Amino acid sequence: MTAAKKIAQKRLTLLQLVERIRNIGGLSASRGMPEPVLRVQGAFQEHGFDGLVDRPLIPKSFPNETPPEFREKVIALSLKHPSWGPMKISDQIRLENVSASPSTVRNLWIKESMETRYKRLLRMEEEKGNVELTEEQIRLLEKANPCFRERHVESPYPGYLICQDTFMTSSLKGIGRVYLQAVVDTFGSFAFGKLYASKLPETAVDALYGRVLPFYEAQGLQVEHTLTDNGREYCGRPVIHPYQIFLELYDIEHRRTKVAKPRTNGFVERLNRTVLDEFFREAFRKEYYPSVEKLQEALDQWLQHYNYERPHRGYRNMGRRPFETVEAGKVTKEQLTTKEAA
């Protein structure tokens, strides 16, 4: 039995109950019964059981339907400014003496399949074709589509650019805060990490000198650029700052992120989150570490897994392990060197 017939059956039961009550109380056919019951009774007397089944709505025109000119105006303004919300669109149209609530704009977006910013951007792409886009539209398209080359970090081969950051990982009893000097290659996401009980320029230098540079020397590669934030362990007077002196000694160009914008160093920030989720939050729940050295041993084992066993889904790795991407990058660097020599 369908839902509509179940409702009709309940209405029939209601009529039977009303009939019994009327007989007991001696009521007339029209006296003492509410109007809805009378309508149901009339439908049953005229059409039988089929009259108790709900009929589909009769299509008709709605006088309050959104006018076509208003629809075109909202769509045009939404495609011109895809980042604007319904409130801002409503305010802008109201300046042209057209009354429109934000909910009306939102409902129109839903009907046109434009309710999200990304859908409006796609609609704009389809309709614009080869027409020149504004700076705002280009910026939004690049932000919504990470496959654009403009959003990729320039890194043609391993060692071209490494990212370094200081990450406070935990606080050990009797030792205090423990900091991770995290370094990652932007070409293949090959990562390095060393733990310290302090946050000094000497620790940043030690991580490069003891972990990073020996690896690239063994691979026959050279570190050319490094990207860091503006922390005191990385930035200072070039003549006396240890980190600055070390980079100048090894002929490594120092690049800095924008102030208060950590996303500009996204590679190492993503590494910090990965090592936090996949190592530290699990390691501290499995074992007690009495010293930084013990924690470093466990971190080294995890980095071995991260670099040589764990597949990556980045746009350069595409499912490969970081060391495989580095090996492929060495071939690419040789080809570029040969082409430049020729």
C-alpha atoms as a PDB file:
ATOM      1  CA  MET A   1       0.000   0.000   0.000  1.00  0.00           C
ATOM      2  CA  THR A   2       1.355   3.411  -0.969  1.00  0.00           C
ATOM      3  CA  ALA A   3       1.650   6.354   1.401  1.00  0.00           C
ATOM      4  CA  ALA A   4      -1.259   8.156  -0.293  1.00  0.00           C
ATOM      5  CA  LYS A   5      -3.537   5.144   0.141  1.00  0.00           C
ATOM      6  CA  LYS A   6      -2.497   4.797   3.776  1.00  0.00           C
ATOM      7  CA  ILE A   7      -3.572   8.401   4.386  1.00  0.00           C
ATOM      8  CA  ALA A   8      -6.861   7.733   2.587  1.00  0.00           C
ATOM      9  CA  GLN A   9      -7.421   4.672   4.772  1.00  0.00           C
ATOM     10  CA  LYS A  10      -6.935   6.782   7.897  1.00  0.00           C
ATOM     11  CA  ARG A  11      -9.479   9.290   6.617  1.00  0.00           C
ATOM     12  CA  LEU A  12     -11.960   6.471   6.029  1.00  0.00           C
ATOM     13  CA  THR A  13     -11.402   5.262   9.582  1.00  0.00           C
ATOM     14  CA  LEU A  14     -12.007   8.819  10.792  1.00  0.00           C
ATOM     15  CA  LEU A  15     -15.350   8.938   8.944  1.00  0.00           C
ATOM     16  CA  GLN A  16     -16.389   5.639  10.477  1.00  0.00           C
ATOM     17  CA  LEU A  17     -15.501   6.951  13.942  1.00  0.00           C
ATOM     18  CA  VAL A  18     -17.473  10.175  13.352  1.00  0.00           C
ATOM     19  CA  GLU A  19     -20.447   8.133  12.172  1.00  0.00           C
ATOM     20  CA  ARG A  20     -20.444   6.102  15.366  1.00  0.00           C
ATOM     21  CA  ILE A  21     -20.138   9.219  17.554  1.00  0.00           C
ATOM     22  CA  ARG A  22     -23.000  10.894  15.668  1.00  0.00           C
ATOM     23  CA  ASN A  23     -25.229   7.877  16.132  1.00  0.00           C
ATOM     24  CA  ILE A  24     -24.454   7.718  19.842  1.00  0.00           C
ATOM     25  CA  GLY A  25     -24.988  11.461  20.433  1.00  0.00           C
ATOM     26  CA  GLY A  26     -27.932  11.818  18.103  1.00  0.00           C
ATOM     27  CA  LEU A  27     -26.249  14.549  16.040  1.00  0.00           C
ATOM     28  CA  SER A  28     -27.502  15.516  12.621  1.00  0.00           C
ATOM     29  CA  ALA A  29     -25.442  14.992   9.480  1.00  0.00           C
ATOM     30  CA  SER A  30     -24.163  18.582   9.476  1.00  0.00           C
ATOM     31  CA  ARG A  31     -24.307  19.643  13.104  1.00  0.00           C
ATOM     32  CA  GLY A  32     -21.425  19.204  15.563  1.00  0.00           C
ATOM     33  CA  MET A  33     -18.826  18.116  12.990  1.00  0.00           C
ATOM     34  CA  PRO A  34     -15.788  20.297  12.095  1.00  0.00           C
ATOM     35  CA  GLU A  35     -15.414  21.701   8.595  1.00  0.00           C
ATOM     36  CA  PRO A  36     -12.449  19.455   7.556  1.00  0.00           C
ATOM     37  CA  VAL A  37     -14.440  16.336   8.438  1.00  0.00           C
ATOM     38  CA  LEU A  38     -17.367  17.604   6.375  1.00  0.00           C
ATOM     39  CA  ARG A  39     -15.085  18.130   3.372  1.00  0.00           C
ATOM     40  CA  VAL A  40     -13.692  14.612   3.704  1.00  0.00           C
ATOM     41  CA  GLN A  41     -17.204  13.206   4.061  1.00  0.00           C
ATOM     42  CA  GLY A  42     -18.400  15.081   0.977  1.00  0.00           C
ATOM     43  CA  ALA A  43     -15.463  13.795  -1.085  1.00  0.00           C
ATOM     44  CA  PHE A  44     -16.201  10.232   0.033  1.00  0.00           C
ATOM     45  CA  GLN A  45     -19.897  10.513  -0.828  1.00  0.00           C
ATOM     46  CA  GLU A  46     -19.091  11.915  -4.297  1.00  0.00           C
ATOM     47  CA  HIS A  47     -16.125   9.782  -5.385  1.00  0.00           C
ATOM     48  CA  GLY A  48     -15.976   6.935  -2.914  1.00  0.00           C
ATOM     49  CA  PHE A  49     -12.594   5.755  -1.613  1.00  0.00           C
ATOM     50  CA  ASP A  50     -10.776   7.464  -4.513  1.00  0.00           C
ATOM     51  CA  GLY A  51     -12.029  10.794  -3.211  1.00  0.00           C
ATOM     52  CA  LEU A  52     -10.018  10.317  -0.018  1.00  0.00           C
ATOM     53  CA  VAL A  53      -6.718  10.020  -1.921  1.00  0.00           C
ATOM     54  CA  ASP A  54      -4.752  13.254  -2.291  1.00  0.00           C
ATOM     55  CA  ARG A  55      -4.781  14.554  -5.840  1.00  0.00           C
ATOM     56  CA  PRO A  56      -1.695  16.056  -7.481  1.00  0.00           C
ATOM     57  CA  LEU A  57      -1.446  19.822  -7.484  1.00  0.00           C
ATOM     58  CA  ILE A  58      -2.854  21.635 -10.484  1.00  0.00           C
ATOM     59  CA  PRO A  59      -0.086  23.545 -12.240  1.00  0.00           C
ATOM     60  CA  LYS A  60      -0.677  27.244 -12.454  1.00  0.00           C
ATOM     61  CA  SER A  61       1.215  30.487 -12.878  1.00  0.00           C
ATOM     62  CA  PHE A  62       2.533  32.251  -9.813  1.00  0.00           C
ATOM     63  CA  PRO A  63       2.203  36.063  -9.839  1.00  0.00           C
ATOM     64  CA  ASN A  64       5.180  36.463  -7.467  1.00  0.00           C
ATOM     65  CA  GLU A  65       7.606  34.582  -9.718  1.00  0.00           C
ATOM     66  CA  THR A  66      10.964  36.289 -10.283  1.00  0.00           C
ATOM     67  CA  PRO A  67      10.869  38.453 -13.430  1.00  0.00           C
ATOM     68  CA  PRO A  68      13.200  37.427 -16.279  1.00  0.00           C
ATOM     69  CA  GLU A  69      14.986  40.794 -16.302  1.00  0.00           C
ATOM     70  CA  PHE A  70      15.781  40.438 -12.594  1.00  0.00           C
ATOM     71  CA  ARG A  71      17.107  36.921 -13.183  1.00  0.00           C
ATOM     72  CA  GLU A  72      19.405  38.113 -15.961  1.00  0.00           C
ATOM     73  CA  LYS A  73      20.666  40.974 -13.813  1.00  0.00           C
ATOM     74  CA  VAL A  74      21.507  38.653 -10.877  1.00  0.00           C
ATOM     75  CA  ILE A  75      23.286  36.148 -13.126  1.00  0.00           C
ATOM     76  CA  ALA A  76      25.318  38.837 -14.863  1.00  0.00           C
ATOM     77  CA  LEU A  77      26.382  40.414 -11.571  1.00  0.00           C
ATOM     78  CA  SER A  78      27.171  36.992 -10.048  1.00  0.00           C
ATOM     79  CA  LEU A  79      29.412  36.072 -12.977  1.00  0.00           C
ATOM     80  CA  LYS A  80      31.135  39.440 -12.860  1.00  0.00           C
ATOM     81  CA  HIS A  81      31.869  39.026  -9.140  1.00  0.00           C
ATOM     82  CA  PRO A  82      31.807  35.271  -8.347  1.00  0.00           C
ATOM     83  CA  SER A  83      33.121  35.813  -4.820  1.00  0.00           C
ATOM     84  CA  TRP A  84      30.181  37.997  -3.760  1.00  0.00           C
ATOM     85  CA  GLY A  85      27.556  36.453  -1.511  1.00  0.00           C
ATOM     86  CA  PRO A  86      23.767  36.822  -1.821  1.00  0.00           C
ATOM     87  CA  MET A  87      23.700  39.717   0.669  1.00  0.00           C
ATOM     88  CA  LYS A  88      26.184  41.749  -1.345  1.00  0.00           C
ATOM     89  CA  ILE A  89      24.428  40.950  -4.628  1.00  0.00           C
ATOM     90  CA  SER A  90      21.132  42.045  -3.071  1.00  0.00           C
ATOM     91  CA  ASP A  91      22.622  45.312  -1.803  1.00  0.00           C
ATOM     92  CA  GLN A  92      24.174  46.090  -5.185  1.00  0.00           C
ATOM     93  CA  ILE A  93      20.946  45.446  -7.105  1.00  0.00           C
ATOM     94  CA  ARG A  94      18.991  47.534  -4.594  1.00  0.00           C
ATOM     95  CA  LEU A  95      21.116  50.535  -5.647  1.00  0.00           C
ATOM     96  CA  GLU A  96      19.411  50.236  -9.056  1.00  0.00           C
ATOM     97  CA  ASN A  97      15.972  50.557  -7.413  1.00  0.00           C
ATOM     98  CA  VAL A  98      15.276  46.838  -7.719  1.00  0.00           C
ATOM     99  CA  SER A  99      14.033  45.186  -4.552  1.00  0.00           C
ATOM    100  CA  ALA A 100      15.531  41.729  -3.983  1.00  0.00           C
ATOM    101  CA  SER A 101      16.133  39.873  -0.752  1.00  0.00           C
ATOM    102  CA  PRO A 102      19.267  37.708  -0.241  1.00  0.00           C
ATOM    103  CA  SER A 103      17.053  34.621  -0.027  1.00  0.00           C
ATOM    104  CA  THR A 104      15.647  35.414  -3.471  1.00  0.00           C
ATOM    105  CA  VAL A 105      19.153  35.650  -4.885  1.00  0.00           C
ATOM    106  CA  ARG A 106      20.092  32.405  -3.162  1.00  0.00           C
ATOM    107  CA  ASN A 107      17.016  30.593  -4.531  1.00  0.00           C
ATOM    108  CA  LEU A 108      17.795  31.851  -8.015  1.00  0.00           C
ATOM    109  CA  TRP A 109      21.367  30.549  -7.675  1.00  0.00           C
ATOM    110  CA  ILE A 110      20.036  27.136  -6.681  1.00  0.00           C
ATOM    111  CA  LYS A 111      17.721  27.024  -9.708  1.00  0.00           C
ATOM    112  CA  GLU A 112      20.626  27.967 -11.981  1.00  0.00           C
ATOM    113  CA  SER A 113      23.072  25.581 -10.223  1.00  0.00           C
ATOM    114  CA  MET A 114      25.241  28.511  -9.084  1.00  0.00           C
ATOM    115  CA  GLU A 115      24.865  28.205  -5.311  1.00  0.00           C
ATOM    116  CA  THR A 116      28.604  27.760  -4.618  1.00  0.00           C
ATOM    117  CA  ARG A 117      31.513  29.980  -5.551  1.00  0.00           C
ATOM    118  CA  TYR A 118      33.163  27.157  -7.447  1.00  0.00           C
ATOM    119  CA  LYS A 119      30.037  26.584  -9.578  1.00  0.00           C
ATOM    120  CA  ARG A 120      29.851  30.283 -10.394  1.00  0.00           C
ATOM    121  CA  LEU A 121      33.488  30.200 -11.451  1.00  0.00           C
ATOM    122  CA  LEU A 122      32.845  27.228 -13.728  1.00  0.00           C
ATOM    123  CA  ARG A 123      29.800  28.985 -15.195  1.00  0.00           C
ATOM    124  CA  MET A 124      31.918  32.060 -15.782  1.00  0.00           C
ATOM    125  CA  GLU A 125      34.552  29.960 -17.568  1.00  0.00           C
ATOM    126  CA  GLU A 126      31.929  28.416 -19.843  1.00  0.00           C
ATOM    127  CA  GLU A 127      30.300  31.706 -20.794  1.00  0.00           C
ATOM    128  CA  LYS A 128      33.415  33.866 -21.085  1.00  0.00           C
ATOM    129  CA  GLY A 129      35.228  31.627 -23.555  1.00  0.00           C
ATOM    130  CA  ASN A 130      38.193  33.544 -24.965  1.00  0.00           C
ATOM    131  CA  VAL A 131      37.088  36.890 -23.531  1.00  0.00           C
ATOM    132  CA  GLU A 132      39.725  38.638 -21.409  1.00  0.00           C
ATOM    133  CA  LEU A 133      39.083  38.149 -17.686  1.00  0.00           C
ATOM    134  CA  THR A 134      39.536  40.711 -14.931  1.00  0.00           C
ATOM    135  CA  GLU A 135      42.242  40.424 -12.273  1.00  0.00           C
ATOM    136  CA  GLU A 136      39.659  39.451  -9.656  1.00  0.00           C
ATOM    137  CA  GLN A 137      38.279  36.666 -11.841  1.00  0.00           C
ATOM    138  CA  ILE A 138      41.748  35.316 -12.684  1.00  0.00           C
ATOM    139  CA  ARG A 139      42.734  35.274  -9.004  1.00  0.00           C
ATOM    140  CA  LEU A 140      39.569  33.407  -8.031  1.00  0.00           C
ATOM    141  CA  LEU A 141      39.974  30.887 -10.846  1.00  0.00           C
ATOM    142  CA  GLU A 142      43.539  30.140  -9.798  1.00  0.00           C
ATOM    143  CA  LYS A 143      42.474  29.776  -6.173  1.00  0.00           C
ATOM    144  CA  ALA A 144      39.634  27.377  -6.984  1.00  0.00           C
ATOM    145  CA  ASN A 145      41.676  25.314  -9.460  1.00  0.00           C
ATOM    146  CA  PRO A 146      45.001  24.176  -7.944  1.00  0.00           C
ATOM    147  CA  CYS A 147      45.966  22.571 -11.248  1.00  0.00           C
ATOM    148  CA  PHE A 148      46.876  26.008 -12.643  1.00  0.00           C
ATOM    149  CA  ARG A 149      50.607  26.255 -13.169  1.00  0.00           C
ATOM    150  CA  GLU A 150      50.638  29.779 -11.708  1.00  0.00           C
ATOM    151  CA  ARG A 151      49.910  28.268  -8.296  1.00  0.00           C
ATOM    152  CA  HIS A 152      52.783  25.762  -8.401  1.00  0.00           C
ATOM    153  CA  VAL A 153      56.071  26.440  -6.673  1.00  0.00           C
ATOM    154  CA  GLU A 154      58.943  26.758  -9.121  1.00  0.00           C
ATOM    155  CA  SER A 155      61.078  23.682  -8.513  1.00  0.00           C
ATOM    156  CA  PRO A 156      62.443  22.090 -11.710  1.00  0.00           C
ATOM    157  CA  TYR A 157      64.698  19.528  -9.957  1.00  0.00           C
ATOM    158  CA  PRO A 158      65.700  18.305  -6.466  1.00  0.00           C
ATOM    159  CA  GLY A 159      67.722  20.766  -4.443  1.00  0.00           C
ATOM    160  CA  TYR A 160      66.480  23.803  -6.315  1.00  0.00           C
ATOM    161  CA  LEU A 161      64.349  24.937  -3.360  1.00  0.00           C
ATOM    162  CA  ILE A 162      64.055  23.555   0.160  1.00  0.00           C
ATOM    163  CA  CYS A 163      61.697  24.858   2.829  1.00  0.00           C
ATOM    164  CA  GLN A 164      62.653  25.044   6.508  1.00  0.00           C
ATOM    165  CA  ASP A 165      60.596  25.796   9.584  1.00  0.00           C
ATOM    166  CA  THR A 166      60.719  25.535  13.387  1.00  0.00           C
ATOM    167  CA  PHE A 167      57.829  23.551  14.840  1.00  0.00           C
ATOM    168  CA  MET A 168      57.126  23.214  18.577  1.00  0.00           C
ATOM    169  CA  THR A 169      56.163  19.545  18.894  1.00  0.00           C
ATOM    170  CA  SER A 170      55.686  18.824  22.597  1.00  0.00           C
ATOM    171  CA  SER A 171      56.929  19.404  26.141  1.00  0.00           C
ATOM    172  CA  LEU A 172      58.874  16.605  27.845  1.00  0.00           C
ATOM    173  CA  LYS A 173      58.965  16.299  31.610  1.00  0.00           C
ATOM    174  CA  GLY A 174      62.227  17.610  33.022  1.00  0.00           C
ATOM    175  CA  ILE A 175      63.319  18.947  29.617  1.00  0.00           C
ATOM    176  CA  GLY A 176      60.708  21.468  28.527  1.00  0.00           C
ATOM    177  CA  ARG A 177      59.657  22.350  25.045  1.00  0.00           C
ATOM    178  CA  VAL A 178      60.942  20.278  22.142  1.00  0.00           C
ATOM    179  CA  TYR A 179      61.328  21.943  18.745  1.00  0.00           C
ATOM    180  CA  LEU A 180      61.527  20.259  15.361  1.00  0.00           C
ATOM    181  CA  GLN A 181      63.702  21.729  12.653  1.00  0.00           C
ATOM    182  CA  ALA A 182      61.713  20.524   9.646  1.00  0.00           C
ATOM    183  CA  VAL A 183      63.115  20.675   6.123  1.00  0.00           C
ATOM    184  CA  VAL A 184      61.397  19.485   2.938  1.00  0.00           C
ATOM    185  CA  ASP A 185      62.373  19.523  -0.727  1.00  0.00           C
ATOM    186  CA  THR A 186      59.700  21.192  -2.856  1.00  0.00           C
ATOM    187  CA  PHE A 187      60.405  18.956  -5.849  1.00  0.00           C
ATOM    188  CA  GLY A 188      59.621  15.558  -4.359  1.00  0.00           C
ATOM    189  CA  SER A 189      58.572  16.254  -0.733  1.00  0.00           C
ATOM    190  CA  PHE A 190      61.666  14.475   0.580  1.00  0.00           C
ATOM    191  CA  ALA A 191      61.774  15.442   4.271  1.00  0.00           C
ATOM    192  CA  PHE A 192      64.359  15.896   7.017  1.00  0.00           C
ATOM    193  CA  GLY A 193      63.836  16.545  10.685  1.00  0.00           C
ATOM    194  CA  LYS A 194      65.868  16.991  13.862  1.00  0.00           C
ATOM    195  CA  LEU A 195      64.680  17.688  17.405  1.00  0.00           C
ATOM    196  CA  TYR A 196      66.160  20.261  19.774  1.00  0.00           C
ATOM    197  CA  ALA A 197      65.395  21.578  23.231  1.00  0.00           C
ATOM    198  CA  SER A 198      65.881  25.188  22.099  1.00  0.00           C
ATOM    199  CA  LYS A 199      64.974  27.521  19.282  1.00  0.00           C
ATOM    200  CA  LEU A 200      68.227  29.158  18.184  1.00  0.00           C
ATOM    201  CA  PRO A 201      70.021  29.997  14.933  1.00  0.00           C
ATOM    202  CA  GLU A 202      72.598  27.323  15.786  1.00  0.00           C
ATOM    203  CA  THR A 203      69.907  24.616  15.722  1.00  0.00           C
ATOM    204  CA  ALA A 204      68.714  25.747  12.283  1.00  0.00           C
ATOM    205  CA  VAL A 205      72.299  25.591  11.011  1.00  0.00           C
ATOM    206  CA  ASP A 206      72.909  22.191  12.606  1.00  0.00           C
ATOM    207  CA  ALA A 207      69.865  20.689  10.869  1.00  0.00           C
ATOM    208  CA  LEU A 208      71.151  21.809   7.467  1.00  0.00           C
ATOM    209  CA  TYR A 209      74.762  20.886   8.121  1.00  0.00           C
ATOM    210  CA  GLY A 210      74.137  17.518   9.757  1.00  0.00           C
ATOM    211  CA  ARG A 211      71.101  16.201   7.890  1.00  0.00           C
ATOM    212  CA  VAL A 212      70.280  18.047   4.677  1.00  0.00           C
ATOM    213  CA  LEU A 213      73.547  18.877   2.912  1.00  0.00           C
ATOM    214  CA  PRO A 214      75.123  15.412   3.383  1.00  0.00           C
ATOM    215  CA  PHE A 215      72.122  13.806   1.660  1.00  0.00           C
ATOM    216  CA  TYR A 216      72.356  16.079  -1.377  1.00  0.00           C
ATOM    217  CA  GLU A 217      76.123  15.632  -1.595  1.00  0.00           C
ATOM    218  CA  ALA A 218      75.650  11.859  -1.652  1.00  0.00           C
ATOM    219  CA  GLN A 219      73.100  12.268  -4.467  1.00  0.00           C
ATOM    220  CA  GLY A 220      75.400  14.515  -6.481  1.00  0.00           C
ATOM    221  CA  LEU A 221      73.058  17.479  -6.039  1.00  0.00           C
ATOM    222  CA  GLN A 222      73.400  20.985  -4.639  1.00  0.00           C
ATOM    223  CA  VAL A 223      71.003  23.034  -2.546  1.00  0.00           C
ATOM    224  CA  GLU A 224      70.447  26.309  -4.391  1.00  0.00           C
ATOM    225  CA  HIS A 225      67.651  28.100  -2.510  1.00  0.00           C
ATOM    226  CA  THR A 226      66.040  27.886   0.920  1.00  0.00           C
ATOM    227  CA  LEU A 227      62.694  29.347   1.988  1.00  0.00           C
ATOM    228  CA  THR A 228      62.012  30.229   5.640  1.00  0.00           C
ATOM    229  CA  ASP A 229      59.810  32.533   7.655  1.00  0.00           C
ATOM    230  CA  ASN A 230      61.108  35.707   9.324  1.00  0.00           C
ATOM    231  CA  GLY A 231      61.892  34.105  12.689  1.00  0.00           C
ATOM    232  CA  ARG A 232      64.981  35.131  14.650  1.00  0.00           C
ATOM    233  CA  GLU A 233      66.587  31.747  14.115  1.00  0.00           C
ATOM    234  CA  TYR A 234      66.642  32.435  10.358  1.00  0.00           C
ATOM    235  CA  CYS A 235      66.877  36.197   9.962  1.00  0.00           C
ATOM    236  CA  GLY A 236      69.250  38.788  11.373  1.00  0.00           C
ATOM    237  CA  ARG A 237      72.256  40.899  10.521  1.00  0.00           C
ATOM    238  CA  PRO A 238      74.053  39.126   7.649  1.00  0.00           C
ATOM    239  CA  VAL A 239      77.514  39.774   9.090  1.00  0.00           C
ATOM    240  CA  ILE A 240      76.929  38.176  12.492  1.00  0.00           C
ATOM    241  CA  HIS A 241      73.876  35.928  12.175  1.00  0.00           C
ATOM    242  CA  PRO A 242      74.971  32.239  12.113  1.00  0.00           C
ATOM    243  CA  TYR A 243      72.270  31.081   9.706  1.00  0.00           C
ATOM    244  CA  GLN A 244      72.945  33.914   7.267  1.00  0.00           C
ATOM    245  CA  ILE A 245      76.682  33.274   7.389  1.00  0.00           C
ATOM    246  CA  PHE A 246      76.187  29.540   6.796  1.00  0.00           C
ATOM    247  CA  LEU A 247      74.007  30.109   3.711  1.00  0.00           C
ATOM    248  CA  GLU A 248      76.500  32.562   2.275  1.00  0.00           C
ATOM    249  CA  LEU A 249      79.331  30.098   2.898  1.00  0.00           C
ATOM    250  CA  TYR A 250      77.570  27.343   0.932  1.00  0.00           C
ATOM    251  CA  ASP A 251      76.281  29.725  -1.747  1.00  0.00           C
ATOM    252  CA  ILE A 252      72.593  29.144  -0.921  1.00  0.00           C
ATOM    253  CA  GLU A 253      70.125  31.930  -1.695  1.00  0.00           C
ATOM    254  CA  HIS A 254      67.841  32.775   1.224  1.00  0.00           C
ATOM    255  CA  ARG A 255      64.196  33.480   0.459  1.00  0.00           C
ATOM    256  CA  ARG A 256      61.680  34.667   3.066  1.00  0.00           C
ATOM    257  CA  THR A 257      57.922  34.293   3.302  1.00  0.00           C
ATOM    258  CA  LYS A 258      55.494  37.181   3.583  1.00  0.00           C
ATOM    259  CA  VAL A 259      55.083  38.432   7.128  1.00  0.00           C
ATOM    260  CA  ALA A 260      52.193  36.794   9.022  1.00  0.00           C
ATOM    261  CA  LYS A 261      51.368  34.558   6.019  1.00  0.00           C
ATOM    262  CA  PRO A 262      52.571  31.014   6.818  1.00  0.00           C
ATOM    263  CA  ARG A 263      50.727  29.619   3.794  1.00  0.00           C
ATOM    264  CA  THR A 264      53.477  31.052   1.592  1.00  0.00           C
ATOM    265  CA  ASN A 265      55.673  28.302   3.007  1.00  0.00           C
ATOM    266  CA  GLY A 266      53.011  25.670   2.416  1.00  0.00           C
ATOM    267  CA  PHE A 267      55.284  22.689   1.754  1.00  0.00           C
ATOM    268  CA  VAL A 268      56.870  22.655   5.185  1.00  0.00           C
ATOM    269  CA  GLU A 269      53.632  23.666   6.909  1.00  0.00           C
ATOM    270  CA  ARG A 270      51.984  20.609   5.374  1.00  0.00           C
ATOM    271  CA  LEU A 271      54.922  18.487   6.540  1.00  0.00           C
ATOM    272  CA  ASN A 272      54.443  19.817  10.084  1.00  0.00           C
ATOM    273  CA  ARG A 273      50.824  18.760  10.051  1.00  0.00           C
ATOM    274  CA  THR A 274      51.655  15.323   8.640  1.00  0.00           C
ATOM    275  CA  VAL A 275      54.370  14.595  11.192  1.00  0.00           C
ATOM    276  CA  LEU A 276      52.066  15.817  13.963  1.00  0.00           C
ATOM    277  CA  ASP A 277      49.135  13.620  12.900  1.00  0.00           C
ATOM    278  CA  GLU A 278      51.014  10.526  11.811  1.00  0.00           C
ATOM    279  CA  PHE A 279      53.919  10.464  14.267  1.00  0.00           C
ATOM    280  CA  PHE A 280      53.752  12.628  17.399  1.00  0.00           C
ATOM    281  CA  ARG A 281      50.076  12.091  18.236  1.00  0.00           C
ATOM    282  CA  GLU A 282      50.551   8.352  17.896  1.00  0.00           C
ATOM    283  CA  ALA A 283      54.035   8.048  19.420  1.00  0.00           C
ATOM    284  CA  PHE A 284      53.178   9.818  22.685  1.00  0.00           C
ATOM    285  CA  ARG A 285      50.200   7.498  23.163  1.00  0.00           C
ATOM    286  CA  LYS A 286      52.265   4.359  22.664  1.00  0.00           C
ATOM    287  CA  GLU A 287      55.482   5.003  24.553  1.00  0.00           C
ATOM    288  CA  TYR A 288      57.099   7.259  27.144  1.00  0.00           C
ATOM    289  CA  TYR A 289      60.173   9.188  25.927  1.00  0.00           C
ATOM    290  CA  PRO A 290      62.534  10.251  28.742  1.00  0.00           C
ATOM    291  CA  SER A 291      64.870  12.247  26.480  1.00  0.00           C
ATOM    292  CA  VAL A 292      65.070  14.079  23.182  1.00  0.00           C
ATOM    293  CA  GLU A 293      67.492  11.435  21.877  1.00  0.00           C
ATOM    294  CA  LYS A 294      64.961   8.631  22.345  1.00  0.00           C
ATOM    295  CA  LEU A 295      62.294  10.674  20.606  1.00  0.00           C
ATOM    296  CA  GLN A 296      64.741  11.447  17.783  1.00  0.00           C
ATOM    297  CA  GLU A 297      65.354   7.730  17.214  1.00  0.00           C
ATOM    298  CA  ALA A 298      61.642   7.144  16.801  1.00  0.00           C
ATOM    299  CA  LEU A 299      61.340  10.158  14.496  1.00  0.00           C
ATOM    300  CA  ASP A 300      64.197   8.872  12.307  1.00  0.00           C
ATOM    301  CA  GLN A 301      62.382   5.580  11.854  1.00  0.00           C
ATOM    302  CA  TRP A 302      59.220   7.406  10.853  1.00  0.00           C
ATOM    303  CA  LEU A 303      61.132   9.621   8.384  1.00  0.00           C
ATOM    304  CA  GLN A 304      62.610   6.475   6.836  1.00  0.00           C
ATOM    305  CA  HIS A 305      59.074   5.240   6.277  1.00  0.00           C
ATOM    306  CA  TYR A 306      57.923   8.670   5.067  1.00  0.00           C
ATOM    307  CA  ASN A 307      60.681   9.057   2.473  1.00  0.00           C
ATOM    308  CA  TYR A 308      61.201   5.476   1.253  1.00  0.00           C
ATOM    309  CA  GLU A 309      57.983   3.537   1.884  1.00  0.00           C
ATOM    310  CA  ARG A 310      55.003   5.907   2.029  1.00  0.00           C
ATOM    311  CA  PRO A 311      53.401   6.914  -1.328  1.00  0.00           C
ATOM    312  CA  HIS A 312      52.589  10.602  -1.789  1.00  0.00           C
ATOM    313  CA  ARG A 313      49.687  12.071  -3.737  1.00  0.00           C
ATOM    314  CA  GLY A 314      51.181  15.499  -4.431  1.00  0.00           C
ATOM    315  CA  TYR A 315      51.064  16.965  -7.940  1.00  0.00           C
ATOM    316  CA  ARG A 316      54.723  16.042  -8.477  1.00  0.00           C
ATOM    317  CA  ASN A 317      54.791  12.657  -6.736  1.00  0.00           C
ATOM    318  CA  MET A 318      51.483  11.365  -8.126  1.00  0.00           C
ATOM    319  CA  GLY A 319      51.566   8.229  -5.984  1.00  0.00           C
ATOM    320  CA  ARG A 320      55.333   7.757  -6.014  1.00  0.00           C
ATOM    321  CA  ARG A 321      57.537   7.695  -2.938  1.00  0.00           C
ATOM    322  CA  PRO A 322      59.709  10.780  -2.358  1.00  0.00           C
ATOM    323  CA  PHE A 323      62.998   9.007  -3.043  1.00  0.00           C
ATOM    324  CA  GLU A 324      61.600   7.805  -6.400  1.00  0.00           C
ATOM    325  CA  THR A 325      60.701  11.367  -7.324  1.00  0.00           C
ATOM    326  CA  VAL A 326      64.201  12.493  -6.343  1.00  0.00           C
ATOM    327  CA  GLU A 327      65.737   9.813  -8.575  1.00  0.00           C
ATOM    328  CA  ALA A 328      63.575  10.931 -11.481  1.00  0.00           C
ATOM    329  CA  GLY A 329      64.496  14.550 -10.748  1.00  0.00           C
ATOM    330  CA  LYS A 330      68.202  13.772 -11.008  1.00  0.00           C
ATOM    331  CA  VAL A 331      67.651  12.653 -14.593  1.00  0.00           C
ATOM    332  CA  THR A 332      65.707  15.836 -15.289  1.00  0.00           C
ATOM    333  CA  LYS A 333      68.515  17.964 -13.872  1.00  0.00           C
ATOM    334  CA  GLU A 334      71.080  16.184 -16.070  1.00  0.00           C
ATOM    335  CA  GLN A 335      68.955  16.855 -19.125  1.00  0.00           C
ATOM    336  CA  LEU A 336      68.619  20.533 -18.243  1.00  0.00           C
ATOM    337  CA  THR A 337      72.361  20.810 -17.637  1.00  0.00           C
ATOM    338  CA  THR A 338      73.097  19.183 -21.000  1.00  0.00           C
ATOM    339  CA  LYS A 339      70.660  21.484 -22.777  1.00  0.00           C
ATOM    340  CA  GLU A 340      72.229  24.582 -21.181  1.00  0.00           C
ATOM    341  CA  ALA A 341      75.738  23.421 -22.101  1.00  0.00           C
ATOM    342  CA  ALA A 342      74.692  22.872 -25.695  1.00  0.00           C
END
